[in-house]
Amino acid sequence: MLKELVAERQACAVRLAGLDAAITLELAALHQSAVTQNRDLITATAAAKKLGISKVYLYERVRTGQQKAVRIGRAVRFRPEDLTA
């Protein structure tokens, strides 16, 4: 009985190690995807300059839903293709 339990424990440990490796790979792929997507984002200063408006007015447009923005924590970033005057 004890040998069977030890063998089952070892088999579970092997399966767990395999799952851990698979999860690590998946998380790495998701992280890389997020980094790639965020690479093209620009700051509020750059977005306001591109639109020819003040940063304050840009933030007001974001607050009222007139301008799309991406929030990363407290930071607000903009996709260049979403900038509309």
C-alpha atoms as a PDB file:
ATOM      1  CA  MET A   1       0.000   0.000   0.000  1.00  0.00           C
ATOM      2  CA  LEU A   2       2.763   2.432   0.951  1.00  0.00           C
ATOM      3  CA  LYS A   3       4.690   1.710  -2.257  1.00  0.00           C
ATOM      4  CA  GLU A   4       1.557   2.429  -4.296  1.00  0.00           C
ATOM      5  CA  LEU A   5       1.037   5.758  -2.535  1.00  0.00           C
ATOM      6  CA  VAL A   6       4.669   6.745  -3.070  1.00  0.00           C
ATOM      7  CA  ALA A   7       4.428   5.811  -6.746  1.00  0.00           C
ATOM      8  CA  GLU A   8       1.207   7.797  -7.156  1.00  0.00           C
ATOM      9  CA  ARG A   9       2.762  10.773  -5.384  1.00  0.00           C
ATOM     10  CA  GLN A  10       5.727  10.675  -7.765  1.00  0.00           C
ATOM     11  CA  ALA A  11       3.406  10.441 -10.776  1.00  0.00           C
ATOM     12  CA  CYS A  12       1.445  13.456  -9.506  1.00  0.00           C
ATOM     13  CA  ALA A  13       4.669  15.392  -9.021  1.00  0.00           C
ATOM     14  CA  VAL A  14       5.672  14.670 -12.629  1.00  0.00           C
ATOM     15  CA  ARG A  15       2.253  15.765 -13.938  1.00  0.00           C
ATOM     16  CA  LEU A  16       2.400  18.902 -11.797  1.00  0.00           C
ATOM     17  CA  ALA A  17       5.844  19.779 -13.136  1.00  0.00           C
ATOM     18  CA  GLY A  18       4.534  19.390 -16.689  1.00  0.00           C
ATOM     19  CA  LEU A  19       1.541  21.628 -15.969  1.00  0.00           C
ATOM     20  CA  ASP A  20       3.803  24.201 -14.334  1.00  0.00           C
ATOM     21  CA  ALA A  21       6.003  24.295 -17.430  1.00  0.00           C
ATOM     22  CA  ALA A  22       2.971  24.659 -19.714  1.00  0.00           C
ATOM     23  CA  ILE A  23       1.563  27.509 -17.606  1.00  0.00           C
ATOM     24  CA  THR A  24       4.933  29.266 -17.591  1.00  0.00           C
ATOM     25  CA  LEU A  25       5.124  29.077 -21.393  1.00  0.00           C
ATOM     26  CA  GLU A  26       1.562  30.383 -21.778  1.00  0.00           C
ATOM     27  CA  LEU A  27       2.205  33.300 -19.422  1.00  0.00           C
ATOM     28  CA  ALA A  28       5.381  34.185 -21.309  1.00  0.00           C
ATOM     29  CA  ALA A  29       3.452  34.214 -24.593  1.00  0.00           C
ATOM     30  CA  LEU A  30       0.716  36.409 -23.104  1.00  0.00           C
ATOM     31  CA  HIS A  31       3.294  38.817 -21.695  1.00  0.00           C
ATOM     32  CA  GLN A  32       5.055  39.082 -25.055  1.00  0.00           C
ATOM     33  CA  SER A  33       1.726  39.770 -26.757  1.00  0.00           C
ATOM     34  CA  ALA A  34       0.916  42.537 -24.271  1.00  0.00           C
ATOM     35  CA  VAL A  35       4.352  44.107 -24.701  1.00  0.00           C
ATOM     36  CA  THR A  36       3.958  44.060 -28.481  1.00  0.00           C
ATOM     37  CA  GLN A  37       0.499  45.643 -28.309  1.00  0.00           C
ATOM     38  CA  ASN A  38       1.631  48.392 -25.932  1.00  0.00           C
ATOM     39  CA  ARG A  39       4.743  49.241 -27.935  1.00  0.00           C
ATOM     40  CA  ASP A  40       2.808  51.539 -30.302  1.00  0.00           C
ATOM     41  CA  LEU A  41       1.082  53.538 -27.551  1.00  0.00           C
ATOM     42  CA  ILE A  42       1.984  57.201 -27.136  1.00  0.00           C
ATOM     43  CA  THR A  43       1.840  59.530 -24.157  1.00  0.00           C
ATOM     44  CA  ALA A  44      -0.740  62.236 -23.556  1.00  0.00           C
ATOM     45  CA  THR A  45       1.876  64.892 -24.312  1.00  0.00           C
ATOM     46  CA  ALA A  46       2.652  63.373 -27.720  1.00  0.00           C
ATOM     47  CA  ALA A  47      -1.040  62.779 -28.482  1.00  0.00           C
ATOM     48  CA  ALA A  48      -2.002  66.348 -27.585  1.00  0.00           C
ATOM     49  CA  LYS A  49       0.824  67.700 -29.736  1.00  0.00           C
ATOM     50  CA  LYS A  50      -0.236  65.508 -32.665  1.00  0.00           C
ATOM     51  CA  LEU A  51      -3.848  66.722 -32.318  1.00  0.00           C
ATOM     52  CA  GLY A  52      -2.842  70.342 -31.788  1.00  0.00           C
ATOM     53  CA  ILE A  53      -4.710  70.600 -28.483  1.00  0.00           C
ATOM     54  CA  SER A  54      -3.706  70.992 -24.844  1.00  0.00           C
ATOM     55  CA  LYS A  55      -3.140  68.012 -22.585  1.00  0.00           C
ATOM     56  CA  VAL A  56      -5.887  69.274 -20.287  1.00  0.00           C
ATOM     57  CA  TYR A  57      -8.379  69.316 -23.162  1.00  0.00           C
ATOM     58  CA  LEU A  58      -7.219  65.849 -24.262  1.00  0.00           C
ATOM     59  CA  TYR A  59      -7.834  64.463 -20.777  1.00  0.00           C
ATOM     60  CA  GLU A  60     -11.258  66.133 -20.759  1.00  0.00           C
ATOM     61  CA  ARG A  61     -12.075  64.385 -24.055  1.00  0.00           C
ATOM     62  CA  VAL A  62     -11.012  61.062 -22.520  1.00  0.00           C
ATOM     63  CA  ARG A  63     -13.134  61.693 -19.416  1.00  0.00           C
ATOM     64  CA  THR A  64     -16.226  62.479 -21.501  1.00  0.00           C
ATOM     65  CA  GLY A  65     -15.713  59.527 -23.854  1.00  0.00           C
ATOM     66  CA  GLN A  66     -14.913  61.639 -26.918  1.00  0.00           C
ATOM     67  CA  GLN A  67     -11.396  60.224 -27.148  1.00  0.00           C
ATOM     68  CA  LYS A  68     -10.380  56.571 -26.815  1.00  0.00           C
ATOM     69  CA  ALA A  69      -7.505  55.864 -24.453  1.00  0.00           C
ATOM     70  CA  VAL A  70      -5.706  52.902 -22.924  1.00  0.00           C
ATOM     71  CA  ARG A  71      -5.167  52.846 -19.176  1.00  0.00           C
ATOM     72  CA  ILE A  72      -2.157  51.022 -17.810  1.00  0.00           C
ATOM     73  CA  GLY A  73      -2.419  51.365 -14.079  1.00  0.00           C
ATOM     74  CA  ARG A  74      -2.693  55.112 -13.522  1.00  0.00           C
ATOM     75  CA  ALA A  75      -1.029  55.933 -16.848  1.00  0.00           C
ATOM     76  CA  VAL A  76      -3.133  56.996 -19.828  1.00  0.00           C
ATOM     77  CA  ARG A  77      -1.784  56.150 -23.271  1.00  0.00           C
ATOM     78  CA  PHE A  78      -3.156  56.503 -26.789  1.00  0.00           C
ATOM     79  CA  ARG A  79      -3.104  54.431 -29.952  1.00  0.00           C
ATOM     80  CA  PRO A  80      -2.081  56.663 -32.849  1.00  0.00           C
ATOM     81  CA  GLU A  81      -4.942  55.294 -34.983  1.00  0.00           C
ATOM     82  CA  ASP A  82      -7.479  56.356 -32.328  1.00  0.00           C
ATOM     83  CA  LEU A  83      -6.480  60.022 -32.354  1.00  0.00           C
ATOM     84  CA  THR A  84      -9.212  62.205 -33.817  1.00  0.00           C
ATOM     85  CA  ALA A  85      -9.283  65.979 -33.758  1.00  0.00           C
END
